[in-house]
Protein backbone atom coordinates (compact mmCIF):
# COMPACT_ATOMS: atom_id res chain seq x y z
CA MET A 1 9.86 21.72 6.83
CA VAL A 2 9.75 19.84 10.25
CA PRO A 3 6.33 19.16 12.13
CA THR A 4 6.30 21.78 15.08
CA LYS A 5 4.94 19.02 17.29
CA ILE A 6 5.55 15.01 17.04
CA ALA A 7 3.62 13.20 19.71
CA TYR A 8 4.19 9.22 19.44
CA LEU A 9 1.45 7.35 20.58
CA ALA A 10 1.27 3.31 21.18
CA GLY A 11 -1.51 1.53 18.95
CA ILE A 12 -2.24 4.57 16.96
CA GLY A 13 -0.84 3.07 13.79
CA ARG A 14 -3.39 0.30 13.98
CA ALA A 15 -6.25 2.82 14.63
CA HIS A 16 -5.05 4.48 11.35
CA GLY A 17 -5.40 1.43 9.43
CA HIS A 18 -1.94 -0.30 9.69
CA GLU A 19 -2.11 -3.81 8.50
CA PRO A 20 -0.17 -7.25 9.53
CA LYS A 21 2.84 -8.22 7.28
CA CYS A 22 0.98 -10.50 4.91
CA ILE A 23 -1.96 -8.18 4.36
CA ARG A 24 0.65 -5.36 3.57
CA VAL A 25 2.27 -7.50 0.95
CA LYS A 26 -1.30 -8.20 -0.51
CA GLU A 27 -2.07 -4.37 -0.64
CA LEU A 28 1.24 -3.26 -2.06
CA HIS A 29 0.91 -6.14 -4.68
CA HIS A 30 -2.48 -4.87 -5.73
CA LEU A 31 -0.97 -1.63 -6.27
CA LEU A 32 1.93 -2.51 -8.30
CA PHE A 33 -0.06 -4.98 -10.54
CA TYR A 34 -2.52 -2.36 -11.33
CA LEU A 35 -0.02 0.09 -12.13
CA ILE A 36 2.43 -2.13 -14.15
CA TYR A 37 0.05 -4.45 -15.97
CA GLY A 38 -3.80 -3.44 -15.45
CA TYR A 39 -3.85 0.39 -15.42
CA THR A 40 -7.18 1.64 -16.77
CA GLY A 41 -7.16 5.42 -15.78
CA GLN A 42 -8.37 7.91 -18.22
CA ASP A 43 -5.49 10.50 -18.03
CA HIS A 44 -7.66 13.25 -19.86
CA ALA A 45 -10.76 12.36 -18.60
CA ASP A 46 -13.44 15.41 -18.38
CA GLN A 47 -13.71 16.15 -14.83
CA ASN A 48 -17.40 17.13 -15.04
CA GLU A 49 -18.34 13.95 -16.72
CA MET A 50 -16.34 12.15 -13.71
CA LYS A 51 -18.21 13.91 -11.16
CA HIS A 52 -21.51 13.08 -12.86
CA LEU A 53 -20.57 9.49 -12.98
CA LEU A 54 -19.51 9.55 -9.37
CA LYS A 55 -22.64 11.10 -8.34
CA ARG A 56 -24.71 8.71 -10.21
CA ARG A 57 -22.85 5.84 -8.96
CA TYR A 58 -22.66 7.11 -5.15
CA PRO A 59 -25.69 9.12 -4.38
CA THR A 60 -24.27 9.83 -0.97
CA LEU A 61 -21.61 11.89 -2.33
CA ASP A 62 -22.53 15.67 -2.64
CA ASP A 63 -20.85 18.81 -4.28
CA SER A 64 -18.74 19.66 -1.23
CA MET A 65 -17.23 16.12 -1.22
CA LEU A 66 -16.29 16.31 -4.77
CA SER A 67 -15.03 19.80 -4.88
CA ASP A 68 -13.15 19.92 -1.26
CA ILE A 69 -9.82 18.60 -2.68
CA PRO A 70 -6.57 20.70 -2.37
CA ALA A 71 -4.52 22.29 -4.92
CA ILE A 72 -1.31 20.95 -6.10
CA TYR A 73 1.37 23.25 -7.01
CA GLN A 74 3.58 22.02 -9.59
CA VAL A 75 6.10 23.60 -11.94
CA LYS A 76 6.98 22.50 -15.38
CA ILE A 77 10.86 22.57 -15.88
CA ASN A 78 11.78 22.49 -19.36
CA ASN A 79 15.34 24.03 -18.86
CA LEU A 80 17.07 25.25 -15.77
CA LYS A 81 16.31 28.94 -16.29
CA LEU A 82 12.63 27.89 -15.09
CA LEU A 83 14.24 27.02 -11.67
CA PHE A 84 14.61 30.72 -10.86
CA ARG A 85 11.28 31.98 -12.04
CA PRO A 86 8.70 31.72 -9.41
CA ALA A 87 5.91 33.06 -11.86
CA GLN A 88 6.20 29.62 -13.63
CA PHE A 89 4.53 27.72 -10.83
CA LYS A 90 0.97 26.98 -11.77
CA THR A 91 -1.90 25.72 -9.61
CA LEU A 92 -3.12 22.37 -10.47
CA ILE A 93 -6.18 20.35 -9.20
CA CYS A 94 -5.51 16.60 -8.79
CA PHE A 95 -7.51 14.94 -11.53
CA CYS A 96 -9.78 12.27 -10.99
CA VAL A 97 -8.85 9.33 -13.39
CA GLN A 98 -11.38 6.57 -12.56
CA PRO A 99 -15.02 6.93 -11.78
CA GLU A 100 -15.04 4.77 -8.70
CA VAL A 101 -14.25 5.74 -5.05
CA SER A 102 -11.43 3.79 -4.36
CA TRP A 103 -7.50 4.18 -4.12
CA LYS A 104 -7.60 4.14 -7.88
CA MET A 105 -9.24 7.37 -8.16
CA PHE A 106 -6.41 9.60 -8.52
CA LEU A 107 -3.64 7.34 -9.63
CA ASP A 108 -1.89 8.56 -12.79
CA LYS A 109 0.29 6.44 -15.07
CA LEU A 110 3.78 5.27 -14.22
CA PRO A 111 6.30 7.32 -16.46
CA VAL A 112 8.22 5.48 -19.03
CA HIS A 113 12.11 5.47 -18.45
CA SER A 114 14.41 4.69 -21.27
CA GLY A 115 16.30 1.60 -21.29
CA TRP A 116 13.55 -0.25 -19.22
CA SER A 117 11.10 -2.74 -20.73
CA ASP A 118 7.40 -3.13 -19.72
CA GLY A 119 6.91 -4.80 -16.29
CA TRP A 120 9.57 -2.89 -14.53
CA CYS A 121 9.11 0.38 -12.39
CA PHE A 122 11.09 2.37 -9.93
CA LEU A 123 10.47 2.52 -6.39
CA CYS A 124 10.61 6.25 -6.39
CA ASP A 125 7.70 6.34 -8.78
CA ILE A 126 5.62 4.09 -6.57
CA LEU A 127 6.17 6.31 -3.47
CA LEU A 128 4.96 9.30 -5.09
CA ARG A 129 1.85 7.41 -6.04
CA LEU A 130 0.83 5.79 -2.74
CA PRO A 131 -2.92 6.75 -1.96
CA LEU A 132 -3.19 8.00 1.74
CA SER A 133 -5.84 5.02 2.22
CA LEU A 134 -3.15 2.60 1.19
CA PHE A 135 -0.13 4.63 2.72
CA VAL A 136 -1.43 3.95 6.37
CA LYS A 137 -1.89 0.50 5.78
CA VAL A 138 1.62 -0.15 4.51
CA VAL A 139 3.45 2.27 6.84
CA ASN A 140 3.05 2.48 10.40
CA VAL A 141 2.13 6.19 11.43
CA ASN A 142 2.74 5.70 15.06
CA ARG A 143 2.57 9.35 15.93
CA HIS A 144 -0.10 12.00 15.86
CA VAL A 145 -0.37 14.15 12.40
CA ASP A 146 -2.64 17.04 12.21
CA LYS A 147 -5.40 16.69 9.69
CA LEU A 148 -4.66 13.04 9.19
CA GLU A 149 -7.84 11.80 10.93
CA GLU A 150 -9.84 14.22 8.90
CA PHE A 151 -8.39 13.31 5.61
CA LEU A 152 -8.95 9.47 6.54
CA LYS A 153 -12.49 9.98 7.43
CA HIS A 154 -13.47 12.10 4.13
CA PRO A 155 -14.76 9.54 1.49
CA ILE A 156 -12.72 11.21 -1.25
CA LYS A 157 -9.86 12.84 0.36
CA GLN A 158 -8.66 9.42 1.93
CA HIS A 159 -7.62 8.26 -1.64
CA LEU A 160 -5.61 11.28 -2.37
CA LEU A 161 -2.01 10.43 -3.68
CA LEU A 162 0.92 11.25 -1.13
CA LYS A 163 2.13 13.80 -3.65
CA HIS A 164 -1.32 15.44 -3.65
CA LEU A 165 -1.55 16.01 0.20
CA PRO A 166 -1.21 19.70 1.63
CA MET A 167 2.37 20.34 2.50
CA ASP A 168 1.97 20.07 6.40
CA LEU A 169 0.06 16.77 6.34
CA ARG A 170 2.80 15.42 3.65
CA GLN A 171 5.57 16.58 5.98
CA GLY A 172 4.18 15.13 9.04
CA LEU A 173 3.67 11.44 7.30
CA ILE A 174 7.00 11.58 5.68
CA TYR A 175 8.95 12.75 8.38
CA GLY A 176 12.29 11.18 9.16
CA ARG A 177 11.83 9.13 5.61
CA LYS A 178 11.11 6.08 7.40
CA TYR A 179 8.19 5.39 5.21
CA ILE A 180 10.72 4.57 2.36
CA PHE A 181 12.34 1.78 4.44
CA SER A 182 8.84 0.61 5.32
CA VAL A 183 7.71 0.11 1.69
CA PHE A 184 11.16 -1.22 0.93
CA GLU A 185 10.48 -3.88 3.59
CA VAL A 186 7.17 -4.77 2.33
CA VAL A 187 8.59 -5.03 -1.34
CA THR A 188 11.53 -7.38 0.15
CA ASN A 189 8.70 -9.58 1.92
CA MET A 190 6.89 -9.80 -1.51
CA VAL A 191 10.10 -11.09 -3.33
CA ASN A 192 10.98 -13.37 -0.76
CA SER A 193 7.18 -14.99 -0.64
CA ILE A 194 7.64 -15.27 -4.50
CA ILE A 195 11.15 -16.91 -4.28
CA LEU A 196 9.71 -19.51 -1.35
CA LEU A 197 6.61 -20.44 -3.69
CA ILE A 198 8.82 -21.11 -6.46
CA HIS A 199 11.23 -23.08 -4.41
CA PHE A 200 8.23 -25.04 -3.03
CA ILE A 201 6.72 -25.65 -6.54
CA LEU A 202 10.27 -27.00 -7.81
CA GLU A 203 10.40 -29.38 -4.86
CA PHE A 204 7.00 -30.61 -5.45
CA LEU A 205 7.56 -31.07 -9.09
CA LEU A 206 10.94 -33.06 -8.49
CA CYS A 207 9.22 -35.27 -5.84
CA PHE A 208 6.48 -35.94 -8.19
CA LEU A 209 9.08 -36.84 -11.15
CA PHE A 210 11.17 -39.00 -8.65
CA ASN A 211 8.16 -41.00 -7.67
CA ALA A 212 6.85 -41.56 -11.01
CA LEU A 213 10.19 -42.82 -11.95
């Protein structure tokens, strides 16, 4: 599905919230650290209880803000036969797993891949879990995308995950798949920053030991 109209606008990415390089690294690092080491989401939380906690913590939220969330269409594939059974598709609602209005609201747990120990994750798993509010900070959306402004201004919808967004909005954001390279670039900058930091620490220790001798 290709967006019918693509209008590139100079500076609109910054208006959407696109951040400078170092801030992008920091934001993505927060997400990675939370998902890999500090995940506190409640996967099977009672949604009525979550709504009650959110309304108590944020009095300005009303029922329409909490209930106006698009449905997700997902199929559970247990074998190849289900691929040819459209009736197997079920309508699911994205679940709130954290009683706070932030990008952690709808983040589900990372899958466990056989052969990989704790502390590792696949980039494809991260891409699926990018909240919209974080996506526009990391990826420069330099074109007009229908409904984007509406979602970014909504206190709840702005934190929906990329995979939970309506099809037309999601396709407008990932058009051309340039977002993959943008996220990969941020990850590369993060790794380079760590390498430079380690190099600096080693040089400092070597100079300290040399002067001590």
